Amino acid sequence: QVQLVESGGGLAQPGGSLTLSCEASGFSLRNNAIGWFRRALGKEREAVSCITSEGSTYSVNFVKGRFAISRDNAKNTVYLQMNSLTPDDTAIYYCAAVAPRAPSICSFDVGWYAYWGQGTQVTVSS
């Protein structure tokens, strides 16, 4: 059974940091592009960052320089290091994987991804 499990969310102060993890089970994500998305209360789900199987990374403008995506294939895990957090970063964060036979290409389109985790809440507040 394919499963993605996010962890690492919680409460952070403005200017603080959190590291989210996305661990896969039921498949090896080393050949998959993995994306991070978020959905704030009352808003649409939006892309944050993506990493290809070769390690190329892409991030949306509002997180460039603050967030970094990385992967550890040995641990079957993708990470999202988040620094300089602001209240606007408050959201549920989801990781997603493309289907195993799909091209390992990053996309900021939610429809590109076949598997989703249940999400982890990130709250930035003083």
Foldseek 3Di string as FASTA:
>chain_A
DWAWAKDFADEAAQQAKIKMKIAIPPDQCLQKKKWKWWDAPPGDIWTAKIAFSVGDIDGDPVQVPFWDWGDDRVRSMIMIIGGNDDQVPWTWMKMFIAPNPDHRDDDGDPVRGDHMHPTDTHGYHD
